[in-house]
């Protein structure tokens, strides 16, 4: 999570390399260097952190919408 919020270091470098390769494989960039740059800009702009927060919010809403289930597996 810290990496998606912009924490620098070797773990971030690995994430950028993997994301850069994914962008290249998807045809979204012309080179892995372009993909690495795009991934870094995306993280640094806060977009990955925003997405993580949105996914967590969606999960909370989905969990809250589930009916309560007792230990026997039936709903009240």
N, C-alpha and C. Protein backbone atom coordinates (compact mmCIF):
# COMPACT_ATOMS: atom_id res chain seq x y z
N UNK A 1 0.83 -1.19 0.00
CA UNK A 1 0.00 0.00 0.00
C UNK A 1 0.87 1.26 0.00
N UNK A 2 1.93 1.25 0.76
CA UNK A 2 2.81 2.43 0.81
C UNK A 2 3.38 2.74 -0.56
N UNK A 3 3.66 1.72 -1.33
CA UNK A 3 4.19 1.92 -2.69
C UNK A 3 3.17 2.65 -3.54
N UNK A 4 1.90 2.25 -3.43
CA UNK A 4 0.85 2.89 -4.21
C UNK A 4 0.59 4.32 -3.77
N UNK A 5 1.08 4.66 -2.61
CA UNK A 5 0.94 6.03 -2.11
C UNK A 5 2.22 6.84 -2.35
N UNK A 6 3.19 6.25 -3.08
CA UNK A 6 4.37 7.00 -3.51
C UNK A 6 5.64 6.76 -2.73
N UNK A 7 5.66 5.78 -1.83
CA UNK A 7 6.88 5.53 -1.06
C UNK A 7 8.02 5.10 -1.99
N UNK A 8 9.16 5.79 -1.92
CA UNK A 8 10.28 5.42 -2.79
C UNK A 8 11.03 4.20 -2.27
N UNK A 9 11.84 3.61 -3.13
CA UNK A 9 12.68 2.49 -2.71
C UNK A 9 12.70 1.38 -3.74
N UNK A 10 13.40 0.32 -3.39
CA UNK A 10 13.58 -0.78 -4.34
C UNK A 10 12.26 -1.51 -4.63
N UNK A 11 11.38 -1.59 -3.65
CA UNK A 11 10.08 -2.23 -3.92
C UNK A 11 9.28 -1.43 -4.94
N UNK A 12 9.34 -0.12 -4.83
CA UNK A 12 8.67 0.73 -5.82
C UNK A 12 9.27 0.48 -7.20
N UNK A 13 10.59 0.36 -7.27
CA UNK A 13 11.25 0.12 -8.55
C UNK A 13 10.74 -1.15 -9.21
N UNK A 14 10.54 -2.20 -8.41
CA UNK A 14 10.02 -3.47 -8.94
C UNK A 14 8.59 -3.28 -9.44
N UNK A 15 7.78 -2.56 -8.68
CA UNK A 15 6.40 -2.29 -9.10
C UNK A 15 6.38 -1.50 -10.40
N UNK A 16 7.24 -0.50 -10.51
CA UNK A 16 7.30 0.30 -11.73
C UNK A 16 7.74 -0.55 -12.92
N UNK A 17 8.70 -1.43 -12.71
CA UNK A 17 9.15 -2.31 -13.79
C UNK A 17 8.03 -3.23 -14.25
N UNK A 18 7.33 -3.84 -13.30
CA UNK A 18 6.22 -4.73 -13.65
C UNK A 18 5.09 -3.97 -14.34
N UNK A 19 4.75 -2.81 -13.82
CA UNK A 19 3.69 -2.01 -14.44
C UNK A 19 4.11 -1.54 -15.82
N UNK A 20 5.38 -1.15 -15.95
CA UNK A 20 5.89 -0.74 -17.26
C UNK A 20 5.80 -1.85 -18.28
N UNK A 21 6.14 -3.06 -17.85
CA UNK A 21 6.03 -4.22 -18.74
C UNK A 21 4.58 -4.50 -19.10
N UNK A 22 3.67 -4.32 -18.14
CA UNK A 22 2.25 -4.54 -18.41
C UNK A 22 1.72 -3.51 -19.41
N UNK A 23 2.11 -2.25 -19.25
CA UNK A 23 1.71 -1.23 -20.22
C UNK A 23 2.22 -1.57 -21.61
N UNK A 24 3.46 -2.04 -21.68
CA UNK A 24 4.05 -2.41 -22.97
C UNK A 24 3.30 -3.60 -23.58
N UNK A 25 3.04 -4.62 -22.78
CA UNK A 25 2.34 -5.81 -23.27
C UNK A 25 0.93 -5.47 -23.74
N UNK A 26 0.31 -4.48 -23.10
CA UNK A 26 -1.05 -4.07 -23.48
C UNK A 26 -1.05 -3.15 -24.70
N UNK A 27 0.13 -2.76 -25.14
CA UNK A 27 0.21 -1.86 -26.28
C UNK A 27 -0.09 -0.41 -25.95
N UNK A 28 -0.05 -0.08 -24.66
CA UNK A 28 -0.37 1.28 -24.23
C UNK A 28 0.82 2.24 -24.36
N UNK A 29 2.02 1.68 -24.50
CA UNK A 29 3.24 2.48 -24.63
C UNK A 29 4.13 1.85 -25.70
N UNK A 30 5.10 2.62 -26.16
CA UNK A 30 6.01 2.16 -27.22
C UNK A 30 7.24 1.43 -26.67
N UNK A 31 7.59 1.69 -25.41
CA UNK A 31 8.78 1.06 -24.82
C UNK A 31 8.56 0.82 -23.34
N UNK A 32 9.36 -0.07 -22.77
CA UNK A 32 9.23 -0.32 -21.34
C UNK A 32 9.60 0.93 -20.54
N UNK A 33 10.54 1.71 -21.06
CA UNK A 33 10.89 2.96 -20.38
C UNK A 33 9.69 3.90 -20.30
N UNK A 34 8.93 3.98 -21.40
CA UNK A 34 7.72 4.79 -21.39
C UNK A 34 6.70 4.24 -20.39
N UNK A 35 6.62 2.92 -20.30
CA UNK A 35 5.70 2.30 -19.35
C UNK A 35 6.09 2.57 -17.92
N UNK A 36 7.38 2.50 -17.63
CA UNK A 36 7.87 2.81 -16.29
C UNK A 36 7.57 4.26 -15.93
N UNK A 37 7.81 5.15 -16.87
CA UNK A 37 7.52 6.57 -16.64
C UNK A 37 6.03 6.78 -16.39
N UNK A 38 5.20 6.15 -17.19
CA UNK A 38 3.74 6.30 -17.04
C UNK A 38 3.29 5.77 -15.69
N UNK A 39 3.83 4.63 -15.28
CA UNK A 39 3.47 4.07 -13.99
C UNK A 39 3.88 5.00 -12.85
N UNK A 40 5.09 5.54 -12.94
CA UNK A 40 5.56 6.46 -11.91
C UNK A 40 4.71 7.72 -11.82
N UNK A 41 4.36 8.26 -12.97
CA UNK A 41 3.51 9.46 -12.99
C UNK A 41 2.13 9.17 -12.41
N UNK A 42 1.61 7.99 -12.70
CA UNK A 42 0.30 7.59 -12.18
C UNK A 42 0.33 7.49 -10.66
N UNK A 43 1.36 6.85 -10.14
CA UNK A 43 1.50 6.73 -8.68
C UNK A 43 1.71 8.11 -8.06
N UNK A 44 2.63 8.88 -8.62
CA UNK A 44 2.96 10.19 -8.05
C UNK A 44 1.79 11.17 -8.10
N UNK A 45 0.90 11.00 -9.06
CA UNK A 45 -0.29 11.86 -9.15
C UNK A 45 -1.35 11.47 -8.13
N UNK A 46 -1.13 10.36 -7.43
CA UNK A 46 -2.09 9.92 -6.41
C UNK A 46 -3.22 9.07 -6.96
N UNK A 47 -3.17 8.72 -8.23
CA UNK A 47 -4.28 7.98 -8.84
C UNK A 47 -4.39 6.56 -8.31
N UNK A 48 -3.26 5.91 -8.04
CA UNK A 48 -3.33 4.55 -7.51
C UNK A 48 -3.86 4.54 -6.08
N UNK A 49 -3.49 5.53 -5.29
CA UNK A 49 -4.01 5.63 -3.93
C UNK A 49 -5.51 5.89 -3.95
N UNK A 50 -5.96 6.74 -4.88
CA UNK A 50 -7.40 7.01 -5.01
C UNK A 50 -8.15 5.74 -5.40
N UNK A 51 -7.58 4.97 -6.32
CA UNK A 51 -8.23 3.74 -6.74
C UNK A 51 -8.30 2.75 -5.58
N UNK A 52 -7.23 2.63 -4.83
CA UNK A 52 -7.23 1.74 -3.67
C UNK A 52 -8.31 2.15 -2.68
N UNK A 53 -8.43 3.43 -2.42
CA UNK A 53 -9.47 3.93 -1.51
C UNK A 53 -10.87 3.63 -2.04
N UNK A 54 -11.08 3.82 -3.34
CA UNK A 54 -12.39 3.53 -3.93
C UNK A 54 -12.73 2.05 -3.83
N UNK A 55 -11.74 1.19 -4.08
CA UNK A 55 -11.97 -0.25 -3.98
C UNK A 55 -12.33 -0.65 -2.55
N UNK A 56 -11.66 -0.06 -1.59
CA UNK A 56 -11.97 -0.35 -0.19
C UNK A 56 -13.38 0.12 0.16
N UNK A 57 -13.76 1.30 -0.30
CA UNK A 57 -15.11 1.81 -0.05
C UNK A 57 -16.16 0.90 -0.66
N UNK A 58 -15.92 0.44 -1.88
CA UNK A 58 -16.87 -0.48 -2.54
C UNK A 58 -16.99 -1.77 -1.74
N UNK A 59 -15.88 -2.28 -1.25
CA UNK A 59 -15.90 -3.51 -0.46
C UNK A 59 -16.71 -3.31 0.82
N UNK A 60 -16.50 -2.18 1.48
CA UNK A 60 -17.26 -1.89 2.70
C UNK A 60 -18.75 -1.82 2.42
N UNK A 61 -19.12 -1.16 1.31
CA UNK A 61 -20.54 -1.07 0.96
C UNK A 61 -21.12 -2.45 0.64
N UNK A 62 -20.36 -3.26 -0.06
CA UNK A 62 -20.83 -4.61 -0.40
C UNK A 62 -20.99 -5.45 0.86
N UNK A 63 -20.03 -5.35 1.77
CA UNK A 63 -20.13 -6.10 3.02
C UNK A 63 -21.32 -5.64 3.86
N UNK A 64 -21.58 -4.34 3.87
CA UNK A 64 -22.69 -3.80 4.65
C UNK A 64 -24.04 -4.21 4.05
N UNK A 65 -24.07 -4.47 2.76
CA UNK A 65 -25.32 -4.83 2.08
C UNK A 65 -25.66 -6.31 2.24
N UNK A 66 -24.71 -7.12 2.65
CA UNK A 66 -24.96 -8.55 2.82
C UNK A 66 -25.86 -8.77 4.03
N UNK A 67 -26.81 -9.68 3.91
CA UNK A 67 -27.63 -9.99 5.08
C UNK A 67 -26.79 -10.73 6.12
N UNK A 68 -27.13 -10.54 7.37
CA UNK A 68 -26.42 -11.24 8.44
C UNK A 68 -26.69 -12.73 8.33
N UNK A 69 -25.67 -13.54 8.53
CA UNK A 69 -25.80 -14.99 8.46
C UNK A 69 -25.37 -15.55 9.80
N UNK A 70 -26.23 -16.40 10.39
CA UNK A 70 -25.85 -16.99 11.68
C UNK A 70 -24.92 -18.18 11.46
N UNK A 71 -24.48 -18.80 12.53
CA UNK A 71 -23.48 -19.87 12.44
C UNK A 71 -24.01 -21.10 11.70
N UNK A 72 -25.32 -21.27 11.61
CA UNK A 72 -25.89 -22.40 10.89
C UNK A 72 -25.99 -22.11 9.40
N UNK A 73 -25.68 -20.90 9.01
CA UNK A 73 -25.71 -20.56 7.59
C UNK A 73 -27.03 -20.03 7.10
N UNK A 74 -27.97 -19.77 8.01
CA UNK A 74 -29.25 -19.22 7.57
C UNK A 74 -29.35 -17.76 7.95
N UNK A 75 -30.18 -17.04 7.22
CA UNK A 75 -30.39 -15.63 7.52
C UNK A 75 -31.53 -15.49 8.50
N UNK A 76 -31.49 -14.43 9.31
CA UNK A 76 -32.56 -14.24 10.32
C UNK A 76 -33.89 -13.94 9.70
